[in-house]
Every structure is written in structure tokens, then in C-alpha cells.
Amino acid sequence: FPFPSFHHMEPDPESPTGWRVNLKGLPPLRGGHPLRHEFWNEMDGFSTMAPIIFYMEGLKEAHERGTGDGSRLQGPERIGRSVTDESITLLLDVSSGILVHHSAEVDYLEPEKPSILIVPAQPLRHGTHYAVVVLDAMDAGGLPLPR
């Protein structure tokens, strides 16, 4: 994690973007099934609408607890708030500094270490770097999550 990530890219002067996906060495999928990376490794980038998936210790509890001012992950019904101080996640276009509307939810598939899903509300721009920012998140005891 996080996924997708620039960590899974390699330079390729032959591709239109100058990059190529490189998913070799990933752990197996749930149930021990291998990830078939050959198809993905033909691509020159990731989808502009794919969810961004990451894990951060304590973020599920931060969402469930909220903060003193009510900040939390903003689900699909509250996308408009995802670019305000009511959201503990921001999706940032690194080159322009523009915040991108998104939904953010806890994926409880793995209860001990639940992933966070960030889904852009609009297609992201090709050839652009984005960053997910987590801010003002508190753990179950009310202490700030480590940076």
C-alpha cells in the first residue's frame, strides 16, 4: 500500500507517457491466488477513476470517533464536504494545488486492518501526480494519529 502508487511504475521511453506499470513481486490475492500482472504491465499508467487504497493505523477508529468538530471520512453522500475542513482526507492535484472532490470509506473486508478507499468524484487528469493527505485524525483515545 498505497495502491495505485508511483512505486509500481518504471520508466519506458517507448510508451506514450514515458512510463510503464510494473506490478511484479506483489503478494498473492486473498485465498493465495496469484495476481496475474502480465496484462497490467502492458499499461502506461493506472485508471483515472480507480479507487486509491491505503491503510493507516487508527484511521478506521478516527473515522468512527470523528473529531471534536465532526470531521471524518466523507462518504459518497457527502462528496461536497471532501474538500472542506470537515474531511480528514484530501485528494490533492500536486502540480496545481487544487483539491479534488472524492468519497472516502472504510473497507471492512479485513476487520483487523481495514483499508481506506478514496474514490475520485471525477476522472483524474492523465499525466498528473496526486497525493492523499490525512489531517486532524484522532485515534480512539482522542490523540492525533502519528504523521
C-alpha atoms as a PDB file:
ATOM      1  CA  PHE A   1       0.000   0.000   0.000  1.00  0.00           C
ATOM      2  CA  PRO A   2      -0.838   2.621  -1.111  1.00  0.00           C
ATOM      3  CA  PHE A   3      -2.242   1.453  -4.410  1.00  0.00           C
ATOM      4  CA  PRO A   4      -2.031   2.602  -7.108  1.00  0.00           C
ATOM      5  CA  SER A   5       1.338   4.144  -6.465  1.00  0.00           C
ATOM      6  CA  PHE A   6       4.195   5.571  -8.472  1.00  0.00           C
ATOM      7  CA  HIS A   7       6.215   2.858  -6.737  1.00  0.00           C
ATOM      8  CA  HIS A   8       4.627   0.426  -9.229  1.00  0.00           C
ATOM      9  CA  MET A   9       5.849   2.327 -12.300  1.00  0.00           C
ATOM     10  CA  GLU A  10       9.079   2.159 -14.290  1.00  0.00           C
ATOM     11  CA  PRO A  11      10.493   4.430 -16.995  1.00  0.00           C
ATOM     12  CA  ASP A  12       9.704   3.308 -20.559  1.00  0.00           C
ATOM     13  CA  PRO A  13      10.721   5.678 -23.353  1.00  0.00           C
ATOM     14  CA  GLU A  14       8.623   3.620 -25.824  1.00  0.00           C
ATOM     15  CA  SER A  15       5.274   4.281 -24.107  1.00  0.00           C
ATOM     16  CA  PRO A  16       3.139   7.393 -24.786  1.00  0.00           C
ATOM     17  CA  THR A  17       3.576   8.594 -21.191  1.00  0.00           C
ATOM     18  CA  GLY A  18       7.209   7.570 -20.792  1.00  0.00           C
ATOM     19  CA  TRP A  19       6.175   5.119 -18.064  1.00  0.00           C
ATOM     20  CA  ARG A  20       5.053   1.503 -17.736  1.00  0.00           C
ATOM     21  CA  VAL A  21       3.195  -0.271 -14.926  1.00  0.00           C
ATOM     22  CA  ASN A  22       5.428  -2.781 -13.118  1.00  0.00           C
ATOM     23  CA  LEU A  23       3.426  -4.999 -10.738  1.00  0.00           C
ATOM     24  CA  LYS A  24       5.974  -7.792 -10.337  1.00  0.00           C
ATOM     25  CA  GLY A  25       6.619  -9.035  -6.821  1.00  0.00           C
ATOM     26  CA  LEU A  26       3.198  -8.258  -5.342  1.00  0.00           C
ATOM     27  CA  PRO A  27       1.802 -10.553  -2.662  1.00  0.00           C
ATOM     28  CA  PRO A  28      -0.897 -13.072  -3.647  1.00  0.00           C
ATOM     29  CA  LEU A  29      -4.555 -12.152  -3.591  1.00  0.00           C
ATOM     30  CA  ARG A  30      -6.902 -13.297  -0.836  1.00  0.00           C
ATOM     31  CA  GLY A  31      -7.006 -17.091  -0.736  1.00  0.00           C
ATOM     32  CA  GLY A  32      -3.441 -17.359  -2.026  1.00  0.00           C
ATOM     33  CA  HIS A  33      -4.350 -16.768  -5.660  1.00  0.00           C
ATOM     34  CA  PRO A  34      -1.517 -15.182  -7.656  1.00  0.00           C
ATOM     35  CA  LEU A  35      -2.058 -11.769  -9.211  1.00  0.00           C
ATOM     36  CA  ARG A  36      -1.754 -12.050 -12.974  1.00  0.00           C
ATOM     37  CA  HIS A  37       0.303  -8.954 -13.611  1.00  0.00           C
ATOM     38  CA  GLU A  38       1.138  -9.506 -17.292  1.00  0.00           C
ATOM     39  CA  PHE A  39      -1.945  -7.620 -18.530  1.00  0.00           C
ATOM     40  CA  TRP A  40      -1.426  -4.684 -16.168  1.00  0.00           C
ATOM     41  CA  ASN A  41       2.259  -4.437 -17.032  1.00  0.00           C
ATOM     42  CA  GLU A  42       1.324  -3.625 -20.643  1.00  0.00           C
ATOM     43  CA  MET A  43      -0.320  -0.372 -19.482  1.00  0.00           C
ATOM     44  CA  ASP A  44       1.389   3.007 -19.301  1.00  0.00           C
ATOM     45  CA  GLY A  45      -0.437   4.058 -16.144  1.00  0.00           C
ATOM     46  CA  PHE A  46      -3.407   3.406 -13.891  1.00  0.00           C
ATOM     47  CA  SER A  47      -7.066   4.235 -14.465  1.00  0.00           C
ATOM     48  CA  THR A  48      -8.089   7.816 -13.809  1.00  0.00           C
ATOM     49  CA  MET A  49     -11.183   6.555 -11.948  1.00  0.00           C
ATOM     50  CA  ALA A  50      -9.674   3.693  -9.942  1.00  0.00           C
ATOM     51  CA  PRO A  51     -10.008   3.885  -6.170  1.00  0.00           C
ATOM     52  CA  ILE A  52      -6.904   4.807  -4.210  1.00  0.00           C
ATOM     53  CA  ILE A  53      -6.449   2.214  -1.483  1.00  0.00           C
ATOM     54  CA  PHE A  54      -4.308   2.586   1.615  1.00  0.00           C
ATOM     55  CA  TYR A  55      -4.035   1.535   5.226  1.00  0.00           C
ATOM     56  CA  MET A  56      -3.203   3.814   8.130  1.00  0.00           C
ATOM     57  CA  GLU A  57      -3.137   2.507  11.678  1.00  0.00           C
ATOM     58  CA  GLY A  58      -6.005   4.068  13.637  1.00  0.00           C
ATOM     59  CA  LEU A  59      -7.784   5.753  10.727  1.00  0.00           C
ATOM     60  CA  LYS A  60     -10.844   3.486  10.984  1.00  0.00           C
ATOM     61  CA  GLU A  61     -11.173   4.472  14.640  1.00  0.00           C
ATOM     62  CA  ALA A  62     -10.591   8.128  13.761  1.00  0.00           C
ATOM     63  CA  HIS A  63     -13.471   7.971  11.298  1.00  0.00           C
ATOM     64  CA  GLU A  64     -15.769   6.168  13.724  1.00  0.00           C
ATOM     65  CA  ARG A  65     -14.884   8.551  16.524  1.00  0.00           C
ATOM     66  CA  GLY A  66     -14.871  11.735  14.450  1.00  0.00           C
ATOM     67  CA  THR A  67     -13.093  14.781  15.814  1.00  0.00           C
ATOM     68  CA  GLY A  68     -14.336  17.395  18.197  1.00  0.00           C
ATOM     69  CA  ASP A  69     -15.571  19.438  15.241  1.00  0.00           C
ATOM     70  CA  GLY A  70     -17.231  16.465  13.499  1.00  0.00           C
ATOM     71  CA  SER A  71     -14.511  15.863  10.885  1.00  0.00           C
ATOM     72  CA  ARG A  72     -14.460  12.359   9.425  1.00  0.00           C
ATOM     73  CA  LEU A  73     -14.186  10.420   6.188  1.00  0.00           C
ATOM     74  CA  GLN A  74     -16.692  11.805   3.708  1.00  0.00           C
ATOM     75  CA  GLY A  75     -18.643   9.008   2.026  1.00  0.00           C
ATOM     76  CA  PRO A  76     -20.407   9.170  -1.339  1.00  0.00           C
ATOM     77  CA  GLU A  77     -23.380  11.001   0.138  1.00  0.00           C
ATOM     78  CA  ARG A  78     -21.096  13.825   1.360  1.00  0.00           C
ATOM     79  CA  ILE A  79     -18.681  14.314  -1.549  1.00  0.00           C
ATOM     80  CA  GLY A  80     -19.180  18.086  -1.441  1.00  0.00           C
ATOM     81  CA  ARG A  81     -17.594  18.149   2.022  1.00  0.00           C
ATOM     82  CA  SER A  82     -14.489  16.232   0.886  1.00  0.00           C
ATOM     83  CA  VAL A  83     -12.694  19.489   0.009  1.00  0.00           C
ATOM     84  CA  THR A  84     -13.588  21.247   3.269  1.00  0.00           C
ATOM     85  CA  ASP A  85     -12.215  21.192   6.798  1.00  0.00           C
ATOM     86  CA  GLU A  86     -14.933  18.646   7.650  1.00  0.00           C
ATOM     87  CA  SER A  87     -12.915  15.952   5.852  1.00  0.00           C
ATOM     88  CA  ILE A  88      -9.925  14.156   7.352  1.00  0.00           C
ATOM     89  CA  THR A  89      -8.782  13.181   3.833  1.00  0.00           C
ATOM     90  CA  LEU A  90      -7.882  15.456   0.962  1.00  0.00           C
ATOM     91  CA  LEU A  91      -7.104  14.421  -2.609  1.00  0.00           C
ATOM     92  CA  LEU A  92      -4.632  16.936  -3.995  1.00  0.00           C
ATOM     93  CA  ASP A  93      -3.521  17.604  -7.566  1.00  0.00           C
ATOM     94  CA  VAL A  94       0.153  18.105  -6.713  1.00  0.00           C
ATOM     95  CA  SER A  95       1.025  20.297  -9.718  1.00  0.00           C
ATOM     96  CA  SER A  96      -1.885  22.751  -9.433  1.00  0.00           C
ATOM     97  CA  GLY A  97      -2.613  22.558  -5.695  1.00  0.00           C
ATOM     98  CA  ILE A  98      -6.316  22.017  -6.484  1.00  0.00           C
ATOM     99  CA  LEU A  99      -8.331  19.772  -4.172  1.00  0.00           C
ATOM    100  CA  VAL A 100     -10.343  17.034  -5.880  1.00  0.00           C
ATOM    101  CA  HIS A 101     -13.815  16.026  -4.700  1.00  0.00           C
ATOM    102  CA  HIS A 102     -13.840  12.398  -3.592  1.00  0.00           C
ATOM    103  CA  SER A 103     -15.553   9.911  -1.350  1.00  0.00           C
ATOM    104  CA  ALA A 104     -13.627   8.139   1.391  1.00  0.00           C
ATOM    105  CA  GLU A 105     -14.806   4.991   3.118  1.00  0.00           C
ATOM    106  CA  VAL A 106     -13.547   2.231   5.368  1.00  0.00           C
ATOM    107  CA  ASP A 107     -13.365  -1.164   3.664  1.00  0.00           C
ATOM    108  CA  TYR A 108     -14.217  -3.607   6.457  1.00  0.00           C
ATOM    109  CA  LEU A 109     -13.268  -6.693   4.406  1.00  0.00           C
ATOM    110  CA  GLU A 110     -10.202  -7.115   6.637  1.00  0.00           C
ATOM    111  CA  PRO A 111     -11.559  -6.116  10.085  1.00  0.00           C
ATOM    112  CA  GLU A 112      -8.174  -6.099  11.848  1.00  0.00           C
ATOM    113  CA  LYS A 113      -6.515  -3.872   9.248  1.00  0.00           C
ATOM    114  CA  PRO A 114      -9.279  -2.238   7.213  1.00  0.00           C
ATOM    115  CA  SER A 115      -8.260  -0.369   4.090  1.00  0.00           C
ATOM    116  CA  ILE A 116      -9.419   3.120   3.276  1.00  0.00           C
ATOM    117  CA  LEU A 117     -10.913   3.633  -0.204  1.00  0.00           C
ATOM    118  CA  ILE A 118     -10.620   7.056  -1.815  1.00  0.00           C
ATOM    119  CA  VAL A 119     -12.771   7.324  -4.951  1.00  0.00           C
ATOM    120  CA  PRO A 120     -12.428  10.456  -7.101  1.00  0.00           C
ATOM    121  CA  ALA A 121     -15.767  12.095  -7.970  1.00  0.00           C
ATOM    122  CA  GLN A 122     -14.474  12.857 -11.469  1.00  0.00           C
ATOM    123  CA  PRO A 123     -11.795  11.350 -13.687  1.00  0.00           C
ATOM    124  CA  LEU A 124      -8.303  12.394 -12.645  1.00  0.00           C
ATOM    125  CA  ARG A 125      -6.138  14.076 -15.269  1.00  0.00           C
ATOM    126  CA  HIS A 126      -3.722  11.924 -17.247  1.00  0.00           C
ATOM    127  CA  GLY A 127      -0.030  12.553 -16.647  1.00  0.00           C
ATOM    128  CA  THR A 128      -0.695  14.177 -13.279  1.00  0.00           C
ATOM    129  CA  HIS A 129       0.509  13.261  -9.803  1.00  0.00           C
ATOM    130  CA  TYR A 130      -1.954  13.232  -6.938  1.00  0.00           C
ATOM    131  CA  ALA A 131      -1.451  12.942  -3.201  1.00  0.00           C
ATOM    132  CA  VAL A 132      -3.801  11.796  -0.468  1.00  0.00           C
ATOM    133  CA  VAL A 133      -3.482  13.903   2.657  1.00  0.00           C
ATOM    134  CA  VAL A 134      -4.783  12.781   6.052  1.00  0.00           C
ATOM    135  CA  LEU A 135      -5.130  15.551   8.599  1.00  0.00           C
ATOM    136  CA  ASP A 136      -6.526  16.176  12.051  1.00  0.00           C
ATOM    137  CA  ALA A 137      -7.386  12.483  12.532  1.00  0.00           C
ATOM    138  CA  MET A 138      -7.604  11.353  16.168  1.00  0.00           C
ATOM    139  CA  ASP A 139      -7.298   7.826  17.488  1.00  0.00           C
ATOM    140  CA  ALA A 140      -9.912   6.141  19.705  1.00  0.00           C
ATOM    141  CA  GLY A 141      -8.390   7.873  22.750  1.00  0.00           C
ATOM    142  CA  GLY A 142      -8.570  11.349  21.202  1.00  0.00           C
ATOM    143  CA  LEU A 143      -4.850  11.628  20.439  1.00  0.00           C
ATOM    144  CA  PRO A 144      -3.644  12.767  17.000  1.00  0.00           C
ATOM    145  CA  LEU A 145      -2.607   9.950  14.682  1.00  0.00           C
ATOM    146  CA  PRO A 146       1.153   9.901  14.028  1.00  0.00           C
ATOM    147  CA  ARG A 147       2.363  11.699  10.923  1.00  0.00           C
END
